[in-house]
């Protein structure tokens, strides 16, 4: 009787921001965690702004923690911090629209 090769997971790690697109396809030994995929991808070494920072992570848009298990075919996404509060962004858009309307109507 021979030992079967340990099962493998195909996982991709993605981080995108203006001017940079990091994508890495990985083949990990199962079971694998989010933390192991981050380490294996080398993203913290390749993208200095992520080094030493607590990462916001998700798989297909669903938040995940470093300790959670991955599944075959998962796309692990590293999220950027918000540059502006969504409520504040909406206030700014509304104010711009109002100014345009007033400028057009005058």
PDB file of N, CA and C in Angstrom:
ATOM      1  N   UNK A   1       0.850  -1.177   0.000  1.00  0.00           N
ATOM      2  CA  UNK A   1       0.000   0.000   0.000  1.00  0.00           C
ATOM      3  C   UNK A   1       0.889   1.230   0.000  1.00  0.00           C
ATOM      4  N   UNK A   2       0.636   2.152  -0.886  1.00  0.00           N
ATOM      5  CA  UNK A   2       1.440   3.370  -0.975  1.00  0.00           C
ATOM      6  C   UNK A   2       0.669   4.543  -0.406  1.00  0.00           C
ATOM      7  N   UNK A   3       1.411   5.488   0.098  1.00  0.00           N
ATOM      8  CA  UNK A   3       0.774   6.694   0.629  1.00  0.00           C
ATOM      9  C   UNK A   3       0.395   7.612  -0.516  1.00  0.00           C
ATOM     10  N   UNK A   4      -0.794   8.110  -0.486  1.00  0.00           N
ATOM     11  CA  UNK A   4      -1.234   9.057  -1.510  1.00  0.00           C
ATOM     12  C   UNK A   4      -0.554  10.401  -1.277  1.00  0.00           C
ATOM     13  N   UNK A   5      -0.306  11.116  -2.378  1.00  0.00           N
ATOM     14  CA  UNK A   5       0.278  12.454  -2.262  1.00  0.00           C
ATOM     15  C   UNK A   5      -0.714  13.344  -1.524  1.00  0.00           C
ATOM     16  N   UNK A   6      -0.214  14.176  -0.615  1.00  0.00           N
ATOM     17  CA  UNK A   6      -1.136  15.058   0.110  1.00  0.00           C
ATOM     18  C   UNK A   6      -1.923  15.922  -0.873  1.00  0.00           C
ATOM     19  N   UNK A   7      -3.162  16.191  -0.546  1.00  0.00           N
ATOM     20  CA  UNK A   7      -3.981  16.998  -1.451  1.00  0.00           C
ATOM     21  C   UNK A   7      -3.455  18.428  -1.506  1.00  0.00           C
ATOM     22  N   UNK A   8      -3.678  19.060  -2.619  1.00  0.00           N
ATOM     23  CA  UNK A   8      -3.188  20.417  -2.865  1.00  0.00           C
ATOM     24  C   UNK A   8      -4.357  21.345  -3.129  1.00  0.00           C
ATOM     25  N   UNK A   9      -4.163  22.596  -2.786  1.00  0.00           N
ATOM     26  CA  UNK A   9      -5.159  23.631  -3.039  1.00  0.00           C
ATOM     27  C   UNK A   9      -4.589  24.641  -4.023  1.00  0.00           C
ATOM     28  N   UNK A  10      -5.369  24.990  -5.030  1.00  0.00           N
ATOM     29  CA  UNK A  10      -5.008  26.087  -5.929  1.00  0.00           C
ATOM     30  C   UNK A  10      -5.666  27.340  -5.387  1.00  0.00           C
ATOM     31  N   UNK A  11      -4.858  28.324  -5.034  1.00  0.00           N
ATOM     32  CA  UNK A  11      -5.337  29.562  -4.427  1.00  0.00           C
ATOM     33  C   UNK A  11      -4.622  30.724  -5.107  1.00  0.00           C
ATOM     34  N   UNK A  12      -5.304  31.843  -5.257  1.00  0.00           N
ATOM     35  CA  UNK A  12      -4.626  33.039  -5.756  1.00  0.00           C
ATOM     36  C   UNK A  12      -4.713  34.133  -4.697  1.00  0.00           C
ATOM     37  N   UNK A  13      -3.672  34.952  -4.650  1.00  0.00           N
ATOM     38  CA  UNK A  13      -3.608  36.088  -3.731  1.00  0.00           C
ATOM     39  C   UNK A  13      -3.568  37.347  -4.585  1.00  0.00           C
ATOM     40  N   UNK A  14      -4.441  38.310  -4.272  1.00  0.00           N
ATOM     41  CA  UNK A  14      -4.588  39.505  -5.094  1.00  0.00           C
ATOM     42  C   UNK A  14      -4.558  40.764  -4.228  1.00  0.00           C
ATOM     43  N   UNK A  15      -3.775  41.756  -4.692  1.00  0.00           N
ATOM     44  CA  UNK A  15      -3.790  43.091  -4.084  1.00  0.00           C
ATOM     45  C   UNK A  15      -3.674  44.097  -5.228  1.00  0.00           C
ATOM     46  N   UNK A  16      -4.611  45.025  -5.312  1.00  0.00           N
ATOM     47  CA  UNK A  16      -4.625  45.999  -6.400  1.00  0.00           C
ATOM     48  C   UNK A  16      -4.819  47.392  -5.829  1.00  0.00           C
ATOM     49  N   UNK A  17      -4.028  48.315  -6.349  1.00  0.00           N
ATOM     50  CA  UNK A  17      -4.209  49.736  -6.063  1.00  0.00           C
ATOM     51  C   UNK A  17      -3.798  50.487  -7.314  1.00  0.00           C
ATOM     52  N   UNK A  18      -4.116  51.773  -7.426  1.00  0.00           N
ATOM     53  CA  UNK A  18      -3.691  52.508  -8.613  1.00  0.00           C
ATOM     54  C   UNK A  18      -2.179  52.388  -8.812  1.00  0.00           C
ATOM     55  N   UNK A  19      -1.779  51.957  -9.975  1.00  0.00           N
ATOM     56  CA  UNK A  19      -0.368  51.825 -10.295  1.00  0.00           C
ATOM     57  C   UNK A  19       0.268  50.498  -9.913  1.00  0.00           C
ATOM     58  N   UNK A  20      -0.480  49.601  -9.285  1.00  0.00           N
ATOM     59  CA  UNK A  20       0.086  48.307  -8.878  1.00  0.00           C
ATOM     60  C   UNK A  20      -0.981  47.224  -8.924  1.00  0.00           C
ATOM     61  N   UNK A  21      -0.598  46.089  -9.489  1.00  0.00           N
ATOM     62  CA  UNK A  21      -1.469  44.919  -9.484  1.00  0.00           C
ATOM     63  C   UNK A  21      -0.615  43.717  -9.091  1.00  0.00           C
ATOM     64  N   UNK A  22      -0.866  43.174  -7.908  1.00  0.00           N
ATOM     65  CA  UNK A  22      -0.157  41.990  -7.430  1.00  0.00           C
ATOM     66  C   UNK A  22      -1.101  40.813  -7.529  1.00  0.00           C
ATOM     67  N   UNK A  23      -0.717  39.809  -8.304  1.00  0.00           N
ATOM     68  CA  UNK A  23      -1.490  38.570  -8.428  1.00  0.00           C
ATOM     69  C   UNK A  23      -0.512  37.421  -8.367  1.00  0.00           C
ATOM     70  N   UNK A  24      -0.800  36.471  -7.509  1.00  0.00           N
ATOM     71  CA  UNK A  24       0.091  35.323  -7.380  1.00  0.00           C
ATOM     72  C   UNK A  24      -0.764  34.058  -7.280  1.00  0.00           C
ATOM     73  N   UNK A  25      -0.549  33.121  -8.166  1.00  0.00           N
ATOM     74  CA  UNK A  25      -1.220  31.821  -8.113  1.00  0.00           C
ATOM     75  C   UNK A  25      -0.352  30.885  -7.280  1.00  0.00           C
ATOM     76  N   UNK A  26      -0.966  30.202  -6.348  1.00  0.00           N
ATOM     77  CA  UNK A  26      -0.237  29.317  -5.435  1.00  0.00           C
ATOM     78  C   UNK A  26      -0.804  27.907  -5.477  1.00  0.00           C
ATOM     79  N   UNK A  27       0.056  26.962  -5.176  1.00  0.00           N
ATOM     80  CA  UNK A  27      -0.349  25.581  -4.970  1.00  0.00           C
ATOM     81  C   UNK A  27       0.096  25.230  -3.555  1.00  0.00           C
ATOM     82  N   UNK A  28      -0.875  25.134  -2.642  1.00  0.00           N
ATOM     83  CA  UNK A  28      -0.587  24.917  -1.226  1.00  0.00           C
ATOM     84  C   UNK A  28      -1.010  23.524  -0.793  1.00  0.00           C
ATOM     85  N   UNK A  29      -0.327  23.020   0.192  1.00  0.00           N
ATOM     86  CA  UNK A  29      -0.702  21.729   0.775  1.00  0.00           C
ATOM     87  C   UNK A  29      -1.949  21.935   1.637  1.00  0.00           C
ATOM     88  N   UNK A  30      -2.929  21.074   1.474  1.00  0.00           N
ATOM     89  CA  UNK A  30      -4.163  21.157   2.254  1.00  0.00           C
ATOM     90  C   UNK A  30      -3.976  20.453   3.589  1.00  0.00           C
ATOM     91  N   UNK A  31      -4.563  20.914   4.644  1.00  0.00           N
ATOM     92  CA  UNK A  31      -5.328  22.149   4.737  1.00  0.00           C
ATOM     93  C   UNK A  31      -4.394  23.353   4.860  1.00  0.00           C
ATOM     94  N   UNK A  32      -4.804  24.476   4.301  1.00  0.00           N
ATOM     95  CA  UNK A  32      -4.004  25.702   4.355  1.00  0.00           C
ATOM     96  C   UNK A  32      -4.871  26.842   4.878  1.00  0.00           C
ATOM     97  N   UNK A  33      -4.243  27.759   5.585  1.00  0.00           N
ATOM     98  CA  UNK A  33      -4.955  28.902   6.144  1.00  0.00           C
ATOM     99  C   UNK A  33      -4.669  30.161   5.325  1.00  0.00           C
ATOM    100  N   UNK A  34      -5.441  31.178   5.590  1.00  0.00           N
ATOM    101  CA  UNK A  34      -5.238  32.484   4.958  1.00  0.00           C
ATOM    102  C   UNK A  34      -3.823  32.984   5.257  1.00  0.00           C
ATOM    103  N   UNK A  35      -3.392  32.849   6.492  1.00  0.00           N
ATOM    104  CA  UNK A  35      -2.056  33.289   6.896  1.00  0.00           C
ATOM    105  C   UNK A  35      -0.967  32.589   6.088  1.00  0.00           C
ATOM    106  N   UNK A  36      -1.101  31.292   5.886  1.00  0.00           N
ATOM    107  CA  UNK A  36      -0.108  30.538   5.119  1.00  0.00           C
ATOM    108  C   UNK A  36      -0.060  30.997   3.661  1.00  0.00           C
ATOM    109  N   UNK A  37      -1.204  31.324   3.103  1.00  0.00           N
ATOM    110  CA  UNK A  37      -1.248  31.805   1.720  1.00  0.00           C
ATOM    111  C   UNK A  37      -0.582  33.174   1.599  1.00  0.00           C
ATOM    112  N   UNK A  38      -0.811  34.054   2.569  1.00  0.00           N
ATOM    113  CA  UNK A  38      -0.178  35.372   2.559  1.00  0.00           C
ATOM    114  C   UNK A  38       1.334  35.211   2.614  1.00  0.00           C
ATOM    115  N   UNK A  39       1.804  34.355   3.492  1.00  0.00           N
ATOM    116  CA  UNK A  39       3.243  34.127   3.633  1.00  0.00           C
ATOM    117  C   UNK A  39       3.832  33.525   2.359  1.00  0.00           C
ATOM    118  N   UNK A  40       3.180  32.519   1.804  1.00  0.00           N
ATOM    119  CA  UNK A  40       3.691  31.848   0.605  1.00  0.00           C
ATOM    120  C   UNK A  40       3.695  32.765  -0.618  1.00  0.00           C
ATOM    121  N   UNK A  41       2.786  33.722  -0.656  1.00  0.00           N
ATOM    122  CA  UNK A  41       2.692  34.613  -1.820  1.00  0.00           C
ATOM    123  C   UNK A  41       3.842  35.612  -1.893  1.00  0.00           C
ATOM    124  N   UNK A  42       4.415  35.964  -0.724  1.00  0.00           N
ATOM    125  CA  UNK A  42       5.477  36.968  -0.698  1.00  0.00           C
ATOM    126  C   UNK A  42       4.974  38.384  -0.869  1.00  0.00           C
ATOM    127  N   UNK A  43       3.673  38.596  -0.733  1.00  0.00           N
ATOM    128  CA  UNK A  43       3.105  39.924  -0.973  1.00  0.00           C
ATOM    129  C   UNK A  43       3.661  40.979  -0.017  1.00  0.00           C
ATOM    130  N   UNK A  44       3.942  40.612   1.221  1.00  0.00           N
ATOM    131  CA  UNK A  44       4.477  41.595   2.175  1.00  0.00           C
ATOM    132  C   UNK A  44       5.883  42.040   1.783  1.00  0.00           C
ATOM    133  N   UNK A  45       6.647  41.167   1.127  1.00  0.00           N
ATOM    134  CA  UNK A  45       7.987  41.543   0.657  1.00  0.00           C
ATOM    135  C   UNK A  45       7.914  42.355  -0.641  1.00  0.00           C
ATOM    136  N   UNK A  46       6.978  42.000  -1.507  1.00  0.00           N
ATOM    137  CA  UNK A  46       6.850  42.656  -2.809  1.00  0.00           C
ATOM    138  C   UNK A  46       6.172  44.019  -2.729  1.00  0.00           C
ATOM    139  N   UNK A  47       5.295  44.202  -1.755  1.00  0.00           N
ATOM    140  CA  UNK A  47       4.537  45.443  -1.616  1.00  0.00           C
ATOM    141  C   UNK A  47       4.853  46.027  -0.238  1.00  0.00           C
ATOM    142  N   UNK A  48       5.854  46.927  -0.162  1.00  0.00           N
ATOM    143  CA  UNK A  48       6.335  47.431   1.130  1.00  0.00           C
ATOM    144  C   UNK A  48       5.250  48.051   2.015  1.00  0.00           C
ATOM    145  N   UNK A  49       4.229  48.672   1.426  1.00  0.00           N
ATOM    146  CA  UNK A  49       3.178  49.313   2.235  1.00  0.00           C
ATOM    147  C   UNK A  49       2.381  48.313   3.067  1.00  0.00           C
ATOM    148  N   UNK A  50       2.465  47.020   2.733  1.00  0.00           N
ATOM    149  CA  UNK A  50       1.741  45.991   3.491  1.00  0.00           C
ATOM    150  C   UNK A  50       2.571  45.394   4.622  1.00  0.00           C
ATOM    151  N   UNK A  51       3.878  45.601   4.589  1.00  0.00           N
ATOM    152  CA  UNK A  51       4.760  45.029   5.612  1.00  0.00           C
ATOM    153  C   UNK A  51       4.428  45.627   6.980  1.00  0.00           C
ATOM    154  N   UNK A  52       4.239  44.764   7.953  1.00  0.00           N
ATOM    155  CA  UNK A  52       3.990  45.214   9.322  1.00  0.00           C
ATOM    156  C   UNK A  52       2.602  45.772   9.573  1.00  0.00           C
ATOM    157  N   UNK A  53       1.738  45.756   8.575  1.00  0.00           N
ATOM    158  CA  UNK A  53       0.390  46.290   8.727  1.00  0.00           C
ATOM    159  C   UNK A  53      -0.607  45.154   8.916  1.00  0.00           C
ATOM    160  N   UNK A  54      -1.601  45.374   9.762  1.00  0.00           N
ATOM    161  CA  UNK A  54      -2.674  44.392   9.899  1.00  0.00           C
ATOM    162  C   UNK A  54      -3.508  44.440   8.625  1.00  0.00           C
ATOM    163  N   UNK A  55      -3.715  43.300   8.002  1.00  0.00           N
ATOM    164  CA  UNK A  55      -4.383  43.260   6.713  1.00  0.00           C
ATOM    165  C   UNK A  55      -5.877  42.987   6.856  1.00  0.00           C
ATOM    166  N   UNK A  56      -6.642  43.661   6.016  1.00  0.00           N
ATOM    167  CA  UNK A  56      -8.068  43.370   5.866  1.00  0.00           C
ATOM    168  C   UNK A  56      -8.158  42.405   4.691  1.00  0.00           C
ATOM    169  N   UNK A  57      -8.741  41.227   4.916  1.00  0.00           N
ATOM    170  CA  UNK A  57      -8.718  40.161   3.929  1.00  0.00           C
ATOM    171  C   UNK A  57     -10.109  39.624   3.643  1.00  0.00           C
ATOM    172  N   UNK A  58     -10.245  39.018   2.466  1.00  0.00           N
ATOM    173  CA  UNK A  58     -11.498  38.378   2.119  1.00  0.00           C
ATOM    174  C   UNK A  58     -11.289  37.354   1.030  1.00  0.00           C
ATOM    175  N   UNK A  59     -12.280  36.498   0.865  1.00  0.00           N
ATOM    176  CA  UNK A  59     -12.306  35.524  -0.215  1.00  0.00           C
ATOM    177  C   UNK A  59     -13.586  35.780  -0.995  1.00  0.00           C
ATOM    178  N   UNK A  60     -13.430  36.163  -2.247  1.00  0.00           N
ATOM    179  CA  UNK A  60     -14.565  36.505  -3.104  1.00  0.00           C
ATOM    180  C   UNK A  60     -15.506  37.503  -2.415  1.00  0.00           C
ATOM    181  N   UNK A  61     -14.920  38.529  -1.798  1.00  0.00           N
ATOM    182  CA  UNK A  61     -15.711  39.598  -1.198  1.00  0.00           C
ATOM    183  C   UNK A  61     -16.237  39.324   0.203  1.00  0.00           C
ATOM    184  N   UNK A  62     -15.973  38.154   0.748  1.00  0.00           N
ATOM    185  CA  UNK A  62     -16.430  37.802   2.098  1.00  0.00           C
ATOM    186  C   UNK A  62     -15.248  37.882   3.053  1.00  0.00           C
ATOM    187  N   UNK A  63     -15.354  38.674   4.100  1.00  0.00           N
ATOM    188  CA  UNK A  63     -14.254  38.880   5.048  1.00  0.00           C
ATOM    189  C   UNK A  63     -13.766  37.562   5.637  1.00  0.00           C
ATOM    190  N   UNK A  64     -12.444  37.478   5.830  1.00  0.00           N
ATOM    191  CA  UNK A  64     -11.813  36.305   6.421  1.00  0.00           C
ATOM    192  C   UNK A  64     -10.740  36.747   7.406  1.00  0.00           C
ATOM    193  N   UNK A  65     -10.440  35.875   8.369  1.00  0.00           N
ATOM    194  CA  UNK A  65      -9.354  36.124   9.314  1.00  0.00           C
ATOM    195  C   UNK A  65      -8.147  35.289   8.897  1.00  0.00           C
ATOM    196  N   UNK A  66      -6.993  35.598   9.467  1.00  0.00           N
ATOM    197  CA  UNK A  66      -5.767  34.883   9.122  1.00  0.00           C
ATOM    198  C   UNK A  66      -5.835  33.397   9.444  1.00  0.00           C
ATOM    199  N   UNK A  67      -6.624  33.023  10.454  1.00  0.00           N
ATOM    200  CA  UNK A  67      -6.672  31.626  10.898  1.00  0.00           C
ATOM    201  C   UNK A  67      -7.649  30.767  10.101  1.00  0.00           C
ATOM    202  N   UNK A  68      -8.458  31.362   9.255  1.00  0.00           N
ATOM    203  CA  UNK A  68      -9.477  30.584   8.542  1.00  0.00           C
ATOM    204  C   UNK A  68      -8.879  29.726   7.440  1.00  0.00           C
ATOM    205  N   UNK A  69      -9.513  28.589   7.213  1.00  0.00           N
ATOM    206  CA  UNK A  69      -9.060  27.638   6.181  1.00  0.00           C
ATOM    207  C   UNK A  69      -9.473  28.121   4.796  1.00  0.00           C
ATOM    208  N   UNK A  70      -8.643  27.772   3.822  1.00  0.00           N
ATOM    209  CA  UNK A  70      -8.939  28.074   2.423  1.00  0.00           C
ATOM    210  C   UNK A  70      -9.439  26.820   1.721  1.00  0.00           C
ATOM    211  N   UNK A  71     -10.092  27.027   0.595  1.00  0.00           N
ATOM    212  CA  UNK A  71     -10.599  25.923  -0.219  1.00  0.00           C
ATOM    213  C   UNK A  71     -10.017  26.030  -1.620  1.00  0.00           C
ATOM    214  N   UNK A  72     -10.007  24.919  -2.318  1.00  0.00           N
ATOM    215  CA  UNK A  72      -9.477  24.903  -3.670  1.00  0.00           C
ATOM    216  C   UNK A  72     -10.204  25.934  -4.542  1.00  0.00           C
ATOM    217  N   UNK A  73      -9.428  26.739  -5.257  1.00  0.00           N
ATOM    218  CA  UNK A  73      -9.999  27.741  -6.152  1.00  0.00           C
ATOM    219  C   UNK A  73     -10.269  29.085  -5.515  1.00  0.00           C
ATOM    220  N   UNK A  74     -10.006  29.252  -4.219  1.00  0.00           N
ATOM    221  CA  UNK A  74     -10.258  30.532  -3.546  1.00  0.00           C
ATOM    222  C   UNK A  74      -9.367  31.636  -4.103  1.00  0.00           C
ATOM    223  N   UNK A  75      -9.930  32.851  -4.167  1.00  0.00           N
ATOM    224  CA  UNK A  75      -9.171  34.053  -4.498  1.00  0.00           C
ATOM    225  C   UNK A  75      -9.098  34.890  -3.221  1.00  0.00           C
ATOM    226  N   UNK A  76      -7.919  34.946  -2.643  1.00  0.00           N
ATOM    227  CA  UNK A  76      -7.704  35.693  -1.410  1.00  0.00           C
ATOM    228  C   UNK A  76      -7.407  37.144  -1.773  1.00  0.00           C
ATOM    229  N   UNK A  77      -8.244  38.045  -1.307  1.00  0.00           N
ATOM    230  CA  UNK A  77      -8.133  39.464  -1.644  1.00  0.00           C
ATOM    231  C   UNK A  77      -7.621  40.244  -0.445  1.00  0.00           C
ATOM    232  N   UNK A  78      -6.673  41.128  -0.693  1.00  0.00           N
ATOM    233  CA  UNK A  78      -6.166  42.029   0.343  1.00  0.00           C
ATOM    234  C   UNK A  78      -6.786  43.395   0.057  1.00  0.00           C
ATOM    235  N   UNK A  79      -7.542  43.909   1.025  1.00  0.00           N
ATOM    236  CA  UNK A  79      -8.265  45.158   0.824  1.00  0.00           C
ATOM    237  C   UNK A  79      -7.431  46.357   1.266  1.00  0.00           C
ATOM    238  N   UNK A  80      -7.571  47.442   0.510  1.00  0.00           N
ATOM    239  CA  UNK A  80      -6.905  48.696   0.860  1.00  0.00           C
ATOM    240  C   UNK A  80      -7.745  49.433   1.898  1.00  0.00           C
ATOM    241  N   UNK A  81      -7.091  50.235   2.731  1.00  0.00           N
ATOM    242  CA  UNK A  81      -7.880  51.048   3.666  1.00  0.00           C
ATOM    243  C   UNK A  81      -8.662  52.112   2.892  1.00  0.00           C
ATOM    244  N   UNK A  82      -9.793  52.499   3.427  1.00  0.00           N
ATOM    245  CA  UNK A  82     -10.585  53.551   2.795  1.00  0.00           C
ATOM    246  C   UNK A  82      -9.826  54.870   2.876  1.00  0.00           C
ATOM    247  N   UNK A  83      -9.843  55.623   1.789  1.00  0.00           N
ATOM    248  CA  UNK A  83      -9.182  56.928   1.795  1.00  0.00           C
ATOM    249  C   UNK A  83     -10.136  58.023   2.261  1.00  0.00           C
ATOM    250  N   UNK A  84     -11.427  57.750   2.188  1.00  0.00           N
ATOM    251  CA  UNK A  84     -12.430  58.700   2.661  1.00  0.00           C
ATOM    252  C   UNK A  84     -13.615  57.891   3.190  1.00  0.00           C
ATOM    253  N   UNK A  85     -14.217  58.396   4.239  1.00  0.00           N
ATOM    254  CA  UNK A  85     -15.398  57.764   4.810  1.00  0.00           C
ATOM    255  C   UNK A  85     -16.522  57.777   3.770  1.00  0.00           C
ATOM    256  N   UNK A  86     -17.206  56.660   3.537  1.00  0.00           N
ATOM    257  CA  UNK A  86     -18.265  56.623   2.517  1.00  0.00           C
ATOM    258  C   UNK A  86     -19.355  57.674   2.733  1.00  0.00           C
ATOM    259  N   UNK A  87     -19.690  57.958   3.967  1.00  0.00           N
ATOM    260  CA  UNK A  87     -20.710  58.985   4.235  1.00  0.00           C
ATOM    261  C   UNK A  87     -20.202  60.363   3.821  1.00  0.00           C
ATOM    262  N   UNK A  88     -18.936  60.632   4.100  1.00  0.00           N
ATOM    263  CA  UNK A  88     -18.351  61.917   3.706  1.00  0.00           C
ATOM    264  C   UNK A  88     -18.263  62.025   2.191  1.00  0.00           C
ATOM    265  N   UNK A  89     -17.914  60.940   1.518  1.00  0.00           N
ATOM    266  CA  UNK A  89     -17.844  60.948   0.052  1.00  0.00           C
ATOM    267  C   UNK A  89     -19.208  61.277  -0.544  1.00  0.00           C
ATOM    268  N   UNK A  90     -20.263  60.727   0.036  1.00  0.00           N
ATOM    269  CA  UNK A  90     -21.611  61.024  -0.459  1.00  0.00           C
ATOM    270  C   UNK A  90     -21.950  62.489  -0.239  1.00  0.00           C
ATOM    271  N   UNK A  91     -21.613  63.042   0.922  1.00  0.00           N
ATOM    272  CA  UNK A  91     -21.871  64.467   1.183  1.00  0.00           C
ATOM    273  C   UNK A  91     -21.174  65.344   0.138  1.00  0.00           C
ATOM    274  N   UNK A  92     -19.944  65.003  -0.187  1.00  0.00           N
ATOM    275  CA  UNK A  92     -19.180  65.778  -1.175  1.00  0.00           C
ATOM    276  C   UNK A  92     -19.858  65.692  -2.543  1.00  0.00           C
ATOM    277  N   UNK A  93     -20.268  64.486  -2.958  1.00  0.00           N
ATOM    278  CA  UNK A  93     -20.935  64.329  -4.260  1.00  0.00           C
ATOM    279  C   UNK A  93     -22.221  65.143  -4.325  1.00  0.00           C
ATOM    280  N   UNK A  94     -23.007  65.125  -3.255  1.00  0.00           N
ATOM    281  CA  UNK A  94     -24.260  65.876  -3.217  1.00  0.00           C
ATOM    282  C   UNK A  94     -23.964  67.369  -3.307  1.00  0.00           C
ATOM    283  N   UNK A  95     -22.958  67.834  -2.581  1.00  0.00           N
ATOM    284  CA  UNK A  95     -22.622  69.260  -2.614  1.00  0.00           C
ATOM    285  C   UNK A  95     -22.182  69.684  -4.019  1.00  0.00           C
ATOM    286  N   UNK A  96     -21.409  68.853  -4.696  1.00  0.00           N
ATOM    287  CA  UNK A  96     -20.962  69.167  -6.061  1.00  0.00           C
ATOM    288  C   UNK A  96     -22.165  69.225  -7.001  1.00  0.00           C
ATOM    289  N   UNK A  97     -23.065  68.279  -6.892  1.00  0.00           N
ATOM    290  CA  UNK A  97     -24.267  68.288  -7.748  1.00  0.00           C
ATOM    291  C   UNK A  97     -25.112  69.532  -7.507  1.00  0.00           C
ATOM    292  N   UNK A  98     -25.260  69.919  -6.256  1.00  0.00           N
ATOM    293  CA  UNK A  98     -26.044  71.125  -5.936  1.00  0.00           C
ATOM    294  C   UNK A  98     -25.399  72.362  -6.546  1.00  0.00           C
ATOM    295  N   UNK A  99     -24.078  72.461  -6.423  1.00  0.00           N
ATOM    296  CA  UNK A  99     -23.387  73.622  -7.011  1.00  0.00           C
ATOM    297  C   UNK A  99     -23.550  73.653  -8.514  1.00  0.00           C
ATOM    298  N   UNK A 100     -23.490  72.509  -9.159  1.00  0.00           N
ATOM    299  CA  UNK A 100     -23.678  72.456 -10.622  1.00  0.00           C
ATOM    300  C   UNK A 100     -25.080  72.895 -11.003  1.00  0.00           C
ATOM    301  N   UNK A 101     -26.075  72.425 -10.256  1.00  0.00           N
ATOM    302  CA  UNK A 101     -27.461  72.789 -10.541  1.00  0.00           C
ATOM    303  C   UNK A 101     -27.674  74.281 -10.371  1.00  0.00           C
ATOM    304  N   UNK A 102     -27.136  74.851  -9.339  1.00  0.00           N
ATOM    305  CA  UNK A 102     -27.272  76.284  -9.077  1.00  0.00           C
ATOM    306  C   UNK A 102     -26.552  77.078 -10.173  1.00  0.00           C
ATOM    307  N   UNK A 103     -25.363  76.600 -10.553  1.00  0.00           N
ATOM    308  CA  UNK A 103     -24.593  77.276 -11.605  1.00  0.00           C
ATOM    309  C   UNK A 103     -25.310  77.229 -12.961  1.00  0.00           C
ATOM    310  N   UNK A 104     -25.970  76.115 -13.247  1.00  0.00           N
ATOM    311  CA  UNK A 104     -26.688  75.957 -14.516  1.00  0.00           C
ATOM    312  C   UNK A 104     -27.959  76.788 -14.495  1.00  0.00           C
ATOM    313  N   UNK A 105     -28.651  76.826 -13.384  1.00  0.00           N
ATOM    314  CA  UNK A 105     -29.919  77.533 -13.278  1.00  0.00           C
ATOM    315  C   UNK A 105     -29.717  79.053 -13.276  1.00  0.00           C
ATOM    316  N   UNK A 106     -28.565  79.559 -12.857  1.00  0.00           N
ATOM    317  CA  UNK A 106     -28.354  81.013 -12.745  1.00  0.00           C
ATOM    318  C   UNK A 106     -28.168  81.687 -14.071  1.00  0.00           C
TER     319      UNK A 106
END
